[in-house]
Amino acid sequence: MKAQVDAGRCQGHGVCVVTAPDLFEFADDGKAVAVARELSPADLDGARAAEASCPELAIVLSGS
């Protein structure tokens, strides 16, 4: 499974960075980016929590 941040939607609120700091960080432009290309099974709960908490619905989880 992969996590991606839609840069067009992200407004830099940082909720994902606070919710899952091992999976998301701020880019130089102040918007969030996903750190890991592939999520491990241990990362899924944090990734799903970040996805659910994003006020702009900018986080997309895809894959199996």
N, C-alpha and C. Protein backbone atom coordinates (compact mmCIF):
# COMPACT_ATOMS: atom_id res chain seq x y z
N MET A 1 0.85 -1.17 0.00
CA MET A 1 0.00 0.00 0.00
C MET A 1 0.90 1.23 0.00
N LYS A 2 0.43 2.28 -0.64
CA LYS A 2 1.17 3.53 -0.73
C LYS A 2 0.33 4.68 -0.17
N ALA A 3 1.01 5.66 0.37
CA ALA A 3 0.35 6.90 0.81
C ALA A 3 0.88 8.02 -0.07
N GLN A 4 -0.03 8.86 -0.53
CA GLN A 4 0.35 10.02 -1.32
C GLN A 4 -0.43 11.22 -0.81
N VAL A 5 0.18 12.39 -0.99
CA VAL A 5 -0.49 13.63 -0.63
C VAL A 5 -0.75 14.39 -1.93
N ASP A 6 -2.00 14.74 -2.16
CA ASP A 6 -2.38 15.53 -3.33
C ASP A 6 -1.96 16.98 -3.07
N ALA A 7 -0.90 17.40 -3.72
CA ALA A 7 -0.35 18.75 -3.49
C ALA A 7 -1.34 19.84 -3.88
N GLY A 8 -2.24 19.55 -4.78
CA GLY A 8 -3.25 20.52 -5.17
C GLY A 8 -4.30 20.75 -4.09
N ARG A 9 -4.51 19.77 -3.25
CA ARG A 9 -5.49 19.89 -2.16
C ARG A 9 -4.86 20.32 -0.85
N CYS A 10 -3.63 19.88 -0.60
CA CYS A 10 -2.97 20.14 0.68
C CYS A 10 -2.82 21.64 0.91
N GLN A 11 -3.19 22.06 2.12
CA GLN A 11 -3.07 23.47 2.50
C GLN A 11 -2.03 23.66 3.61
N GLY A 12 -1.33 22.58 3.97
CA GLY A 12 -0.27 22.67 4.96
C GLY A 12 -0.73 22.75 6.40
N HIS A 13 -1.92 22.24 6.69
CA HIS A 13 -2.41 22.26 8.07
C HIS A 13 -1.52 21.42 8.99
N GLY A 14 -0.95 20.36 8.47
CA GLY A 14 -0.02 19.55 9.24
C GLY A 14 -0.64 18.51 10.13
N VAL A 15 -1.91 18.27 10.00
CA VAL A 15 -2.56 17.26 10.84
C VAL A 15 -1.94 15.89 10.60
N CYS A 16 -1.64 15.58 9.35
CA CYS A 16 -1.03 14.28 9.06
C CYS A 16 0.37 14.17 9.66
N VAL A 17 1.11 15.26 9.64
CA VAL A 17 2.47 15.27 10.20
C VAL A 17 2.42 15.03 11.70
N VAL A 18 1.43 15.58 12.37
CA VAL A 18 1.27 15.38 13.81
C VAL A 18 0.73 13.99 14.10
N THR A 19 -0.21 13.53 13.29
CA THR A 19 -0.85 12.23 13.49
C THR A 19 0.09 11.06 13.21
N ALA A 20 0.88 11.17 12.15
CA ALA A 20 1.78 10.08 11.74
C ALA A 20 3.13 10.67 11.31
N PRO A 21 3.92 11.16 12.27
CA PRO A 21 5.17 11.84 11.93
C PRO A 21 6.21 10.95 11.25
N ASP A 22 6.08 9.64 11.39
CA ASP A 22 7.01 8.74 10.71
C ASP A 22 6.65 8.56 9.23
N LEU A 23 5.44 8.97 8.87
CA LEU A 23 4.96 8.74 7.50
C LEU A 23 4.84 10.01 6.67
N PHE A 24 4.71 11.17 7.33
CA PHE A 24 4.51 12.43 6.62
C PHE A 24 5.43 13.50 7.19
N GLU A 25 5.85 14.41 6.32
CA GLU A 25 6.67 15.54 6.74
C GLU A 25 6.33 16.73 5.86
N PHE A 26 6.82 17.90 6.24
CA PHE A 26 6.60 19.10 5.44
C PHE A 26 7.67 19.22 4.36
N ALA A 27 7.25 19.58 3.17
CA ALA A 27 8.18 19.91 2.08
C ALA A 27 8.58 21.37 2.23
N ASP A 28 9.51 21.80 1.41
CA ASP A 28 9.98 23.19 1.47
C ASP A 28 8.88 24.21 1.23
N ASP A 29 7.84 23.81 0.50
CA ASP A 29 6.74 24.74 0.20
C ASP A 29 5.69 24.79 1.31
N GLY A 30 5.91 24.05 2.41
CA GLY A 30 4.98 24.06 3.53
C GLY A 30 3.86 23.06 3.42
N LYS A 31 3.82 22.32 2.33
CA LYS A 31 2.79 21.29 2.16
C LYS A 31 3.36 19.95 2.61
N ALA A 32 2.48 19.04 2.97
CA ALA A 32 2.90 17.73 3.45
C ALA A 32 3.26 16.82 2.28
N VAL A 33 4.16 15.90 2.55
CA VAL A 33 4.52 14.85 1.61
C VAL A 33 4.62 13.55 2.38
N ALA A 34 4.37 12.45 1.68
CA ALA A 34 4.54 11.13 2.28
C ALA A 34 6.02 10.78 2.26
N VAL A 35 6.52 10.25 3.35
CA VAL A 35 7.94 9.93 3.47
C VAL A 35 8.25 8.58 2.83
N ALA A 36 7.46 7.57 3.12
CA ALA A 36 7.73 6.22 2.63
C ALA A 36 6.97 5.95 1.34
N ARG A 37 7.64 5.30 0.42
CA ARG A 37 6.97 4.92 -0.83
C ARG A 37 5.99 3.78 -0.59
N GLU A 38 6.41 2.78 0.16
CA GLU A 38 5.56 1.64 0.49
C GLU A 38 5.32 1.61 1.98
N LEU A 39 4.09 1.40 2.37
CA LEU A 39 3.73 1.31 3.79
C LEU A 39 3.86 -0.12 4.26
N SER A 40 4.44 -0.28 5.42
CA SER A 40 4.51 -1.61 6.03
C SER A 40 3.18 -1.87 6.73
N PRO A 41 2.88 -3.12 7.06
CA PRO A 41 1.65 -3.40 7.80
C PRO A 41 1.57 -2.61 9.12
N ALA A 42 2.71 -2.36 9.74
CA ALA A 42 2.72 -1.60 10.99
C ALA A 42 2.37 -0.13 10.78
N ASP A 43 2.52 0.37 9.56
CA ASP A 43 2.24 1.77 9.24
C ASP A 43 0.77 2.05 8.93
N LEU A 44 0.00 1.01 8.68
CA LEU A 44 -1.36 1.20 8.17
C LEU A 44 -2.27 1.97 9.11
N ASP A 45 -2.23 1.70 10.39
CA ASP A 45 -3.11 2.41 11.32
C ASP A 45 -2.80 3.90 11.31
N GLY A 46 -1.53 4.28 11.34
CA GLY A 46 -1.15 5.68 11.30
C GLY A 46 -1.53 6.35 10.00
N ALA A 47 -1.34 5.65 8.90
CA ALA A 47 -1.70 6.19 7.59
C ALA A 47 -3.20 6.40 7.48
N ARG A 48 -3.97 5.45 7.96
CA ARG A 48 -5.43 5.58 7.91
C ARG A 48 -5.92 6.70 8.82
N ALA A 49 -5.29 6.85 9.98
CA ALA A 49 -5.66 7.94 10.89
C ALA A 49 -5.34 9.29 10.26
N ALA A 50 -4.20 9.40 9.60
CA ALA A 50 -3.83 10.64 8.93
C ALA A 50 -4.79 10.94 7.79
N GLU A 51 -5.15 9.93 7.03
CA GLU A 51 -6.10 10.10 5.92
C GLU A 51 -7.45 10.61 6.45
N ALA A 52 -7.92 10.00 7.52
CA ALA A 52 -9.23 10.36 8.07
C ALA A 52 -9.23 11.76 8.70
N SER A 53 -8.08 12.20 9.19
CA SER A 53 -8.03 13.48 9.89
C SER A 53 -7.69 14.67 8.99
N CYS A 54 -7.34 14.43 7.75
CA CYS A 54 -6.96 15.52 6.85
C CYS A 54 -8.18 16.39 6.51
N PRO A 55 -8.15 17.67 6.88
CA PRO A 55 -9.31 18.53 6.62
C PRO A 55 -9.53 18.82 5.13
N GLU A 56 -8.52 18.63 4.32
CA GLU A 56 -8.64 18.90 2.88
C GLU A 56 -8.82 17.62 2.06
N LEU A 57 -8.86 16.47 2.73
CA LEU A 57 -8.97 15.16 2.06
C LEU A 57 -7.87 14.98 1.02
N ALA A 58 -6.66 15.41 1.39
CA ALA A 58 -5.53 15.40 0.46
C ALA A 58 -4.72 14.11 0.49
N ILE A 59 -4.96 13.26 1.47
CA ILE A 59 -4.19 12.02 1.59
C ILE A 59 -4.94 10.90 0.88
N VAL A 60 -4.19 10.20 0.03
CA VAL A 60 -4.77 9.09 -0.72
C VAL A 60 -3.95 7.84 -0.41
N LEU A 61 -4.63 6.81 0.05
CA LEU A 61 -4.01 5.51 0.25
C LEU A 61 -4.43 4.61 -0.89
N SER A 62 -3.47 3.97 -1.52
CA SER A 62 -3.79 3.12 -2.67
C SER A 62 -2.97 1.85 -2.64
N GLY A 63 -3.44 0.86 -3.37
CA GLY A 63 -2.75 -0.41 -3.45
C GLY A 63 -3.39 -1.44 -2.55
N SER A 64 -2.79 -2.61 -2.56
CA SER A 64 -3.35 -3.70 -1.76
C SER A 64 -2.78 -3.74 -0.38
